[in-house]
PDB file of N, CA and C in Angstrom:
ATOM      1  N   MET A   1       2.876  14.317   8.904  1.00  0.00           N
ATOM      2  CA  MET A   1       1.449  14.135   9.034  1.00  0.00           C
ATOM      3  C   MET A   1       1.035  12.882   8.258  1.00  0.00           C
ATOM      4  N   ARG A   2       0.231  12.061   8.853  1.00  0.00           N
ATOM      5  CA  ARG A   2      -0.187  10.795   8.264  1.00  0.00           C
ATOM      6  C   ARG A   2      -1.435  10.996   7.395  1.00  0.00           C
ATOM      7  N   LYS A   3      -1.427  10.374   6.224  1.00  0.00           N
ATOM      8  CA  LYS A   3      -2.561  10.419   5.292  1.00  0.00           C
ATOM      9  C   LYS A   3      -3.204   9.046   5.251  1.00  0.00           C
ATOM     10  N   ALA A   4      -4.532   9.003   5.163  1.00  0.00           N
ATOM     11  CA  ALA A   4      -5.270   7.738   5.158  1.00  0.00           C
ATOM     12  C   ALA A   4      -5.978   7.550   3.818  1.00  0.00           C
ATOM     13  N   PHE A   5      -6.038   6.287   3.373  1.00  0.00           N
ATOM     14  CA  PHE A   5      -6.663   5.933   2.099  1.00  0.00           C
ATOM     15  C   PHE A   5      -7.458   4.645   2.269  1.00  0.00           C
ATOM     16  N   MET A   6      -8.566   4.535   1.554  1.00  0.00           N
ATOM     17  CA  MET A   6      -9.279   3.260   1.482  1.00  0.00           C
ATOM     18  C   MET A   6      -8.535   2.388   0.495  1.00  0.00           C
ATOM     19  N   CYS A   7      -8.366   1.127   0.832  1.00  0.00           N
ATOM     20  CA  CYS A   7      -7.653   0.238  -0.073  1.00  0.00           C
ATOM     21  C   CYS A   7      -8.041  -1.204   0.193  1.00  0.00           C
ATOM     22  N   SER A   8      -7.572  -2.076  -0.679  1.00  0.00           N
ATOM     23  CA  SER A   8      -7.727  -3.515  -0.508  1.00  0.00           C
ATOM     24  C   SER A   8      -6.415  -4.168  -0.890  1.00  0.00           C
ATOM     25  N   LEU A   9      -5.968  -5.091  -0.062  1.00  0.00           N
ATOM     26  CA  LEU A   9      -4.776  -5.873  -0.356  1.00  0.00           C
ATOM     27  C   LEU A   9      -5.187  -7.041  -1.227  1.00  0.00           C
ATOM     28  N   CYS A  10      -4.468  -7.280  -2.295  1.00  0.00           N
ATOM     29  CA  CYS A  10      -4.744  -8.409  -3.185  1.00  0.00           C
ATOM     30  C   CYS A  10      -3.837  -9.565  -2.764  1.00  0.00           C
ATOM     31  N   HIS A  11      -4.372 -10.440  -1.934  1.00  0.00           N
ATOM     32  CA  HIS A  11      -3.615 -11.596  -1.448  1.00  0.00           C
ATOM     33  C   HIS A  11      -4.615 -12.696  -1.124  1.00  0.00           C
ATOM     34  N   ASN A  12      -4.614 -13.747  -1.927  1.00  0.00           N
ATOM     35  CA  ASN A  12      -5.611 -14.822  -1.771  1.00  0.00           C
ATOM     36  C   ASN A  12      -7.023 -14.244  -1.746  1.00  0.00           C
ATOM     37  N   GLY A  13      -7.290 -13.346  -2.653  1.00  0.00           N
ATOM     38  CA  GLY A  13      -8.567 -12.642  -2.706  1.00  0.00           C
ATOM     39  C   GLY A  13      -8.338 -11.172  -2.400  1.00  0.00           C
ATOM     40  N   ILE A  14      -9.431 -10.475  -2.165  1.00  0.00           N
ATOM     41  CA  ILE A  14      -9.374  -9.040  -1.882  1.00  0.00           C
ATOM     42  C   ILE A  14      -9.655  -8.832  -0.394  1.00  0.00           C
ATOM     43  N   LEU A  15      -8.739  -8.179   0.295  1.00  0.00           N
ATOM     44  CA  LEU A  15      -8.879  -7.917   1.729  1.00  0.00           C
ATOM     45  C   LEU A  15      -9.024  -6.420   1.958  1.00  0.00           C
ATOM     46  N   GLY A  16     -10.201  -5.981   2.309  1.00  0.00           N
ATOM     47  CA  GLY A  16     -10.435  -4.564   2.557  1.00  0.00           C
ATOM     48  C   GLY A  16      -9.709  -4.088   3.795  1.00  0.00           C
ATOM     49  N   GLY A  17      -9.324  -2.838   3.776  1.00  0.00           N
ATOM     50  CA  GLY A  17      -8.630  -2.271   4.922  1.00  0.00           C
ATOM     51  C   GLY A  17      -8.306  -0.818   4.690  1.00  0.00           C
ATOM     52  N   GLY A  18      -7.403  -0.323   5.481  1.00  0.00           N
ATOM     53  CA  GLY A  18      -6.967   1.054   5.366  1.00  0.00           C
ATOM     54  C   GLY A  18      -5.490   1.115   5.061  1.00  0.00           C
ATOM     55  N   LEU A  19      -5.102   2.144   4.348  1.00  0.00           N
ATOM     56  CA  LEU A  19      -3.701   2.366   4.001  1.00  0.00           C
ATOM     57  C   LEU A  19      -3.309   3.706   4.597  1.00  0.00           C
ATOM     58  N   TYR A  20      -2.201   3.718   5.309  1.00  0.00           N
ATOM     59  CA  TYR A  20      -1.724   4.925   5.961  1.00  0.00           C
ATOM     60  C   TYR A  20      -0.338   5.252   5.438  1.00  0.00           C
ATOM     61  N   LEU A  21      -0.144   6.509   5.072  1.00  0.00           N
ATOM     62  CA  LEU A  21       1.111   6.960   4.484  1.00  0.00           C
ATOM     63  C   LEU A  21       1.649   8.097   5.335  1.00  0.00           C
ATOM     64  N   ASP A  22       2.903   7.967   5.735  1.00  0.00           N
ATOM     65  CA  ASP A  22       3.567   9.064   6.434  1.00  0.00           C
ATOM     66  C   ASP A  22       5.002   9.155   5.930  1.00  0.00           C
ATOM     67  N   SER A  23       5.794   9.978   6.567  1.00  0.00           N
ATOM     68  CA  SER A  23       7.160  10.205   6.074  1.00  0.00           C
ATOM     69  C   SER A  23       8.085   9.015   6.294  1.00  0.00           C
ATOM     70  N   GLN A  24       7.633   7.994   7.024  1.00  0.00           N
ATOM     71  CA  GLN A  24       8.456   6.824   7.299  1.00  0.00           C
ATOM     72  C   GLN A  24       8.044   5.567   6.540  1.00  0.00           C
ATOM     73  N   SER A  25       6.723   5.376   6.330  1.00  0.00           N
ATOM     74  CA  SER A  25       6.262   4.097   5.795  1.00  0.00           C
ATOM     75  C   SER A  25       4.871   4.187   5.174  1.00  0.00           C
ATOM     76  N   VAL A  26       4.544   3.113   4.466  1.00  0.00           N
ATOM     77  CA  VAL A  26       3.194   2.843   3.994  1.00  0.00           C
ATOM     78  C   VAL A  26       2.716   1.671   4.844  1.00  0.00           C
ATOM     79  N   THR A  27       1.597   1.832   5.531  1.00  0.00           N
ATOM     80  CA  THR A  27       1.096   0.798   6.430  1.00  0.00           C
ATOM     81  C   THR A  27      -0.302   0.383   6.020  1.00  0.00           C
ATOM     82  N   TYR A  28      -0.499  -0.913   5.829  1.00  0.00           N
ATOM     83  CA  TYR A  28      -1.819  -1.476   5.523  1.00  0.00           C
ATOM     84  C   TYR A  28      -2.349  -2.130   6.792  1.00  0.00           C
ATOM     85  N   ARG A  29      -3.602  -1.841   7.127  1.00  0.00           N
ATOM     86  CA  ARG A  29      -4.228  -2.451   8.306  1.00  0.00           C
ATOM     87  C   ARG A  29      -5.598  -2.991   7.943  1.00  0.00           C
ATOM     88  N   THR A  30      -5.900  -4.153   8.507  1.00  0.00           N
ATOM     89  CA  THR A  30      -7.224  -4.746   8.334  1.00  0.00           C
ATOM     90  C   THR A  30      -7.667  -5.346   9.662  1.00  0.00           C
ATOM     91  N   GLN A  31      -8.966  -5.452   9.846  1.00  0.00           N
ATOM     92  CA  GLN A  31      -9.540  -6.040  11.056  1.00  0.00           C
ATOM     93  C   GLN A  31     -10.041  -7.465  10.808  1.00  0.00           C
ATOM     94  N   LYS A  32      -9.781  -8.008   9.620  1.00  0.00           N
ATOM     95  CA  LYS A  32     -10.237  -9.359   9.288  1.00  0.00           C
ATOM     96  C   LYS A  32      -9.594 -10.365  10.232  1.00  0.00           C
ATOM     97  N   LEU A  33     -10.401 -11.232  10.812  1.00  0.00           N
ATOM     98  CA  LEU A  33      -9.900 -12.201  11.783  1.00  0.00           C
ATOM     99  C   LEU A  33      -9.192 -13.384  11.151  1.00  0.00           C
ATOM    100  N   THR A  34      -9.543 -13.708   9.913  1.00  0.00           N
ATOM    101  CA  THR A  34      -9.010 -14.911   9.275  1.00  0.00           C
ATOM    102  C   THR A  34      -7.729 -14.653   8.478  1.00  0.00           C
ATOM    103  N   VAL A  35      -7.196 -13.470   8.549  1.00  0.00           N
ATOM    104  CA  VAL A  35      -6.015 -13.102   7.766  1.00  0.00           C
ATOM    105  C   VAL A  35      -4.745 -13.471   8.531  1.00  0.00           C
ATOM    106  N   ASN A  36      -3.734 -13.907   7.798  1.00  0.00           N
ATOM    107  CA  ASN A  36      -2.411 -14.168   8.359  1.00  0.00           C
ATOM    108  C   ASN A  36      -1.946 -12.918   9.114  1.00  0.00           C
ATOM    109  N   GLU A  37      -1.352 -13.103  10.275  1.00  0.00           N
ATOM    110  CA  GLU A  37      -0.912 -11.988  11.124  1.00  0.00           C
ATOM    111  C   GLU A  37      -0.007 -11.004  10.378  1.00  0.00           C
ATOM    112  N   LYS A  38       0.784 -11.491   9.436  1.00  0.00           N
ATOM    113  CA  LYS A  38       1.688 -10.630   8.675  1.00  0.00           C
ATOM    114  C   LYS A  38       0.940  -9.520   7.957  1.00  0.00           C
ATOM    115  N   TYR A  39      -0.287  -9.816   7.503  1.00  0.00           N
ATOM    116  CA  TYR A  39      -1.036  -8.864   6.695  1.00  0.00           C
ATOM    117  C   TYR A  39      -2.006  -8.008   7.498  1.00  0.00           C
ATOM    118  N   LYS A  40      -2.177  -8.269   8.787  1.00  0.00           N
ATOM    119  CA  LYS A  40      -3.083  -7.455   9.605  1.00  0.00           C
ATOM    120  C   LYS A  40      -2.533  -6.062   9.848  1.00  0.00           C
ATOM    121  N   ASN A  41      -1.219  -5.944   9.900  1.00  0.00           N
ATOM    122  CA  ASN A  41      -0.561  -4.658  10.115  1.00  0.00           C
ATOM    123  C   ASN A  41       0.748  -4.668   9.317  1.00  0.00           C
ATOM    124  N   LEU A  42       0.619  -4.590   8.010  1.00  0.00           N
ATOM    125  CA  LEU A  42       1.754  -4.684   7.099  1.00  0.00           C
ATOM    126  C   LEU A  42       2.420  -3.324   6.947  1.00  0.00           C
ATOM    127  N   VAL A  43       3.671  -3.221   7.354  1.00  0.00           N
ATOM    128  CA  VAL A  43       4.414  -1.967   7.294  1.00  0.00           C
ATOM    129  C   VAL A  43       5.477  -2.073   6.203  1.00  0.00           C
ATOM    130  N   LEU A  44       5.429  -1.152   5.257  1.00  0.00           N
ATOM    131  CA  LEU A  44       6.405  -1.084   4.176  1.00  0.00           C
ATOM    132  C   LEU A  44       7.203   0.216   4.340  1.00  0.00           C
ATOM    133  N   PRO A  45       8.417   0.150   4.899  1.00  0.00           N
ATOM    134  CA  PRO A  45       9.222   1.368   5.072  1.00  0.00           C
ATOM    135  C   PRO A  45       9.513   2.017   3.718  1.00  0.00           C
ATOM    136  N   LEU A  46       9.403   3.331   3.658  1.00  0.00           N
ATOM    137  CA  LEU A  46       9.627   4.044   2.387  1.00  0.00           C
ATOM    138  C   LEU A  46      11.016   3.769   1.826  1.00  0.00           C
ATOM    139  N   ASN A  47      12.013   3.653   2.684  1.00  0.00           N
ATOM    140  CA  ASN A  47      13.375   3.428   2.187  1.00  0.00           C
ATOM    141  C   ASN A  47      13.601   2.002   1.681  1.00  0.00           C
ATOM    142  N   GLU A  48      12.630   1.102   1.891  1.00  0.00           N
ATOM    143  CA  GLU A  48      12.725  -0.270   1.390  1.00  0.00           C
ATOM    144  C   GLU A  48      11.897  -0.483   0.124  1.00  0.00           C
ATOM    145  N   ILE A  49      11.119   0.523  -0.280  1.00  0.00           N
ATOM    146  CA  ILE A  49      10.312   0.416  -1.505  1.00  0.00           C
ATOM    147  C   ILE A  49      11.187   0.818  -2.681  1.00  0.00           C
ATOM    148  N   LYS A  50      11.400  -0.141  -3.601  1.00  0.00           N
ATOM    149  CA  LYS A  50      12.217   0.125  -4.783  1.00  0.00           C
ATOM    150  C   LYS A  50      11.435   0.962  -5.779  1.00  0.00           C
ATOM    151  N   GLU A  51      10.178   0.546  -6.044  1.00  0.00           N
ATOM    152  CA  GLU A  51       9.317   1.300  -6.959  1.00  0.00           C
ATOM    153  C   GLU A  51       7.873   0.854  -6.779  1.00  0.00           C
ATOM    154  N   ILE A  52       6.988   1.664  -7.310  1.00  0.00           N
ATOM    155  CA  ILE A  52       5.565   1.326  -7.353  1.00  0.00           C
ATOM    156  C   ILE A  52       5.137   1.385  -8.805  1.00  0.00           C
ATOM    157  N   THR A  53       4.534   0.308  -9.286  1.00  0.00           N
ATOM    158  CA  THR A  53       3.983   0.308 -10.640  1.00  0.00           C
ATOM    159  C   THR A  53       2.466   0.230 -10.527  1.00  0.00           C
ATOM    160  N   TRP A  54       1.777   0.729 -11.540  1.00  0.00           N
ATOM    161  CA  TRP A  54       0.316   0.799 -11.528  1.00  0.00           C
ATOM    162  C   TRP A  54      -0.267   0.077 -12.724  1.00  0.00           C
ATOM    163  N   LYS A  55      -1.405  -0.573 -12.494  1.00  0.00           N
ATOM    164  CA  LYS A  55      -2.241  -1.157 -13.554  1.00  0.00           C
ATOM    165  C   LYS A  55      -3.663  -0.733 -13.258  1.00  0.00           C
ATOM    166  N   TRP A  56      -4.475  -0.719 -14.288  1.00  0.00           N
ATOM    167  CA  TRP A  56      -5.881  -0.384 -14.105  1.00  0.00           C
ATOM    168  C   TRP A  56      -6.693  -1.634 -14.418  1.00  0.00           C
ATOM    169  N   ILE A  57      -7.272  -2.253 -13.385  1.00  0.00           N
ATOM    170  CA  ILE A  57      -8.144  -3.417 -13.556  1.00  0.00           C
ATOM    171  C   ILE A  57      -9.429  -3.066 -12.809  1.00  0.00           C
ATOM    172  N   VAL A  58     -10.322  -2.382 -13.466  1.00  0.00           N
ATOM    173  CA  VAL A  58     -11.533  -1.802 -12.894  1.00  0.00           C
ATOM    174  C   VAL A  58     -11.179  -0.674 -11.915  1.00  0.00           C
ATOM    175  N   PHE A  59     -10.229  -0.923 -11.013  1.00  0.00           N
ATOM    176  CA  PHE A  59      -9.714   0.088 -10.088  1.00  0.00           C
ATOM    177  C   PHE A  59      -8.203   0.145 -10.246  1.00  0.00           C
ATOM    178  N   PRO A  60      -7.579   1.234  -9.803  1.00  0.00           N
ATOM    179  CA  PRO A  60      -6.117   1.302  -9.893  1.00  0.00           C
ATOM    180  C   PRO A  60      -5.447   0.337  -8.909  1.00  0.00           C
ATOM    181  N   VAL A  61      -4.574  -0.508  -9.439  1.00  0.00           N
ATOM    182  CA  VAL A  61      -3.855  -1.491  -8.622  1.00  0.00           C
ATOM    183  C   VAL A  61      -2.379  -1.091  -8.585  1.00  0.00           C
ATOM    184  N   ALA A  62      -1.884  -0.858  -7.372  1.00  0.00           N
ATOM    185  CA  ALA A  62      -0.479  -0.509  -7.177  1.00  0.00           C
ATOM    186  C   ALA A  62       0.280  -1.757  -6.761  1.00  0.00           C
ATOM    187  N   THR A  63       1.418  -1.989  -7.394  1.00  0.00           N
ATOM    188  CA  THR A  63       2.303  -3.065  -6.975  1.00  0.00           C
ATOM    189  C   THR A  63       3.526  -2.429  -6.340  1.00  0.00           C
ATOM    190  N   PHE A  64       3.727  -2.729  -5.057  1.00  0.00           N
ATOM    191  CA  PHE A  64       4.880  -2.234  -4.326  1.00  0.00           C
ATOM    192  C   PHE A  64       6.005  -3.245  -4.500  1.00  0.00           C
ATOM    193  N   HIS A  65       7.064  -2.850  -5.178  1.00  0.00           N
ATOM    194  CA  HIS A  65       8.241  -3.689  -5.393  1.00  0.00           C
ATOM    195  C   HIS A  65       9.254  -3.313  -4.316  1.00  0.00           C
ATOM    196  N   MET A  66       9.561  -4.263  -3.453  1.00  0.00           N
ATOM    197  CA  MET A  66      10.464  -4.007  -2.343  1.00  0.00           C
ATOM    198  C   MET A  66      11.903  -4.358  -2.716  1.00  0.00           C
ATOM    199  N   LYS A  67      12.847  -3.798  -2.029  1.00  0.00           N
ATOM    200  CA  LYS A  67      14.264  -4.075  -2.282  1.00  0.00           C
ATOM    201  C   LYS A  67      14.624  -5.524  -2.006  1.00  0.00           C
ATOM    202  N   ASN A  68      13.874  -6.207  -1.145  1.00  0.00           N
ATOM    203  CA  ASN A  68      14.143  -7.619  -0.836  1.00  0.00           C
ATOM    204  C   ASN A  68      13.420  -8.560  -1.798  1.00  0.00           C
ATOM    205  N   SER A  69      12.919  -8.040  -2.918  1.00  0.00           N
ATOM    206  CA  SER A  69      12.247  -8.778  -3.993  1.00  0.00           C
ATOM    207  C   SER A  69      10.808  -9.185  -3.683  1.00  0.00           C
ATOM    208  N   GLU A  70      10.270  -8.836  -2.528  1.00  0.00           N
ATOM    209  CA  GLU A  70       8.861  -9.108  -2.263  1.00  0.00           C
ATOM    210  C   GLU A  70       8.012  -8.101  -3.014  1.00  0.00           C
ATOM    211  N   GLU A  71       6.777  -8.491  -3.312  1.00  0.00           N
ATOM    212  CA  GLU A  71       5.830  -7.607  -3.982  1.00  0.00           C
ATOM    213  C   GLU A  71       4.493  -7.672  -3.268  1.00  0.00           C
ATOM    214  N   TYR A  72       3.834  -6.530  -3.171  1.00  0.00           N
ATOM    215  CA  TYR A  72       2.520  -6.444  -2.558  1.00  0.00           C
ATOM    216  C   TYR A  72       1.620  -5.655  -3.496  1.00  0.00           C
ATOM    217  N   LYS A  73       0.456  -6.227  -3.808  1.00  0.00           N
ATOM    218  CA  LYS A  73      -0.494  -5.555  -4.695  1.00  0.00           C
ATOM    219  C   LYS A  73      -1.657  -5.022  -3.876  1.00  0.00           C
ATOM    220  N   MET A  74      -2.012  -3.762  -4.152  1.00  0.00           N
ATOM    221  CA  MET A  74      -3.101  -3.127  -3.427  1.00  0.00           C
ATOM    222  C   MET A  74      -3.939  -2.289  -4.366  1.00  0.00           C
ATOM    223  N   ILE A  75      -5.243  -2.389  -4.185  1.00  0.00           N
ATOM    224  CA  ILE A  75      -6.158  -1.482  -4.872  1.00  0.00           C
ATOM    225  C   ILE A  75      -6.222  -0.235  -4.003  1.00  0.00           C
ATOM    226  N   ILE A  76      -5.836   0.894  -4.568  1.00  0.00           N
ATOM    227  CA  ILE A  76      -5.873   2.165  -3.839  1.00  0.00           C
ATOM    228  C   ILE A  76      -6.892   3.053  -4.549  1.00  0.00           C
ATOM    229  N   PHE A  77      -7.929   3.426  -3.828  1.00  0.00           N
ATOM    230  CA  PHE A  77      -9.067   4.075  -4.449  1.00  0.00           C
ATOM    231  C   PHE A  77      -8.876   5.542  -4.791  1.00  0.00           C
ATOM    232  N   ASN A  78      -7.794   6.167  -4.384  1.00  0.00           N
ATOM    233  CA  ASN A  78      -7.513   7.541  -4.782  1.00  0.00           C
ATOM    234  C   ASN A  78      -6.057   7.643  -5.220  1.00  0.00           C
ATOM    235  N   LYS A  79      -5.796   7.139  -6.419  1.00  0.00           N
ATOM    236  CA  LYS A  79      -4.430   7.056  -6.946  1.00  0.00           C
ATOM    237  C   LYS A  79      -3.761   8.425  -7.012  1.00  0.00           C
ATOM    238  N   VAL A  80      -4.471   9.433  -7.484  1.00  0.00           N
ATOM    239  CA  VAL A  80      -3.872  10.758  -7.663  1.00  0.00           C
ATOM    240  C   VAL A  80      -3.404  11.326  -6.322  1.00  0.00           C
ATOM    241  N   ARG A  81      -4.255  11.255  -5.317  1.00  0.00           N
ATOM    242  CA  ARG A  81      -3.906  11.774  -3.990  1.00  0.00           C
ATOM    243  C   ARG A  81      -2.771  10.957  -3.368  1.00  0.00           C
ATOM    244  N   PHE A  82      -2.841   9.627  -3.489  1.00  0.00           N
ATOM    245  CA  PHE A  82      -1.785   8.781  -2.941  1.00  0.00           C
ATOM    246  C   PHE A  82      -0.437   9.113  -3.593  1.00  0.00           C
ATOM    247  N   THR A  83      -0.420   9.179  -4.922  1.00  0.00           N
ATOM    248  CA  THR A  83       0.815   9.450  -5.659  1.00  0.00           C
ATOM    249  C   THR A  83       1.408  10.799  -5.264  1.00  0.00           C
ATOM    250  N   LYS A  84       0.559  11.792  -5.118  1.00  0.00           N
ATOM    251  CA  LYS A  84       1.028  13.128  -4.730  1.00  0.00           C
ATOM    252  C   LYS A  84       1.761  13.072  -3.386  1.00  0.00           C
ATOM    253  N   TYR A  85       1.132  12.479  -2.375  1.00  0.00           N
ATOM    254  CA  TYR A  85       1.749  12.448  -1.053  1.00  0.00           C
ATOM    255  C   TYR A  85       2.915  11.465  -0.985  1.00  0.00           C
ATOM    256  N   TYR A  86       2.863  10.369  -1.722  1.00  0.00           N
ATOM    257  CA  TYR A  86       3.974   9.426  -1.749  1.00  0.00           C
ATOM    258  C   TYR A  86       5.244  10.113  -2.248  1.00  0.00           C
ATOM    259  N   HIS A  87       5.136  10.830  -3.353  1.00  0.00           N
ATOM    260  CA  HIS A  87       6.307  11.513  -3.904  1.00  0.00           C
ATOM    261  C   HIS A  87       6.784  12.623  -2.980  1.00  0.00           C
ATOM    262  N   GLU A  88       5.849  13.270  -2.307  1.00  0.00           N
ATOM    263  CA  GLU A  88       6.219  14.321  -1.350  1.00  0.00           C
ATOM    264  C   GLU A  88       7.015  13.744  -0.186  1.00  0.00           C
ATOM    265  N   TYR A  89       6.545  12.643   0.371  1.00  0.00           N
ATOM    266  CA  TYR A  89       7.223  12.003   1.505  1.00  0.00           C
ATOM    267  C   TYR A  89       8.525  11.319   1.093  1.00  0.00           C
ATOM    268  N   LYS A  90       8.537  10.736  -0.082  1.00  0.00           N
ATOM    269  CA  LYS A  90       9.708  10.009  -0.564  1.00  0.00           C
ATOM    270  C   LYS A  90      10.822  10.983  -0.983  1.00  0.00           C
ATOM    271  N   GLY A  91      10.436  12.207  -1.336  1.00  0.00           N
ATOM    272  CA  GLY A  91      11.426  13.198  -1.752  1.00  0.00           C
ATOM    273  C   GLY A  91      11.754  13.136  -3.224  1.00  0.00           C
ATOM    274  N   ASP A  92      10.851  12.555  -4.029  1.00  0.00           N
ATOM    275  CA  ASP A  92      11.083  12.447  -5.486  1.00  0.00           C
ATOM    276  C   ASP A  92      10.747  13.754  -6.184  1.00  0.00           C
TER     277      ASP A  92
END
């Protein structure tokens, strides 16, 4: 079952959008027309996420550290709910 979250991608500013979590991936989607195509429908497979670290800068900011050394920062507005379902889907 897919879970939805309000979020913003931190990339050359703040890009509002939606974050979707299911048993396969974390997917960020935005409808912004001026955004690079890569970020309009960004899919992060769960098996490619090495770890997620958190910082609090007014809102909780999650940094997704990927196995290929890429990093993606996102403001996720319901950290507790996201963390609960992430660990459930990841099997931690």
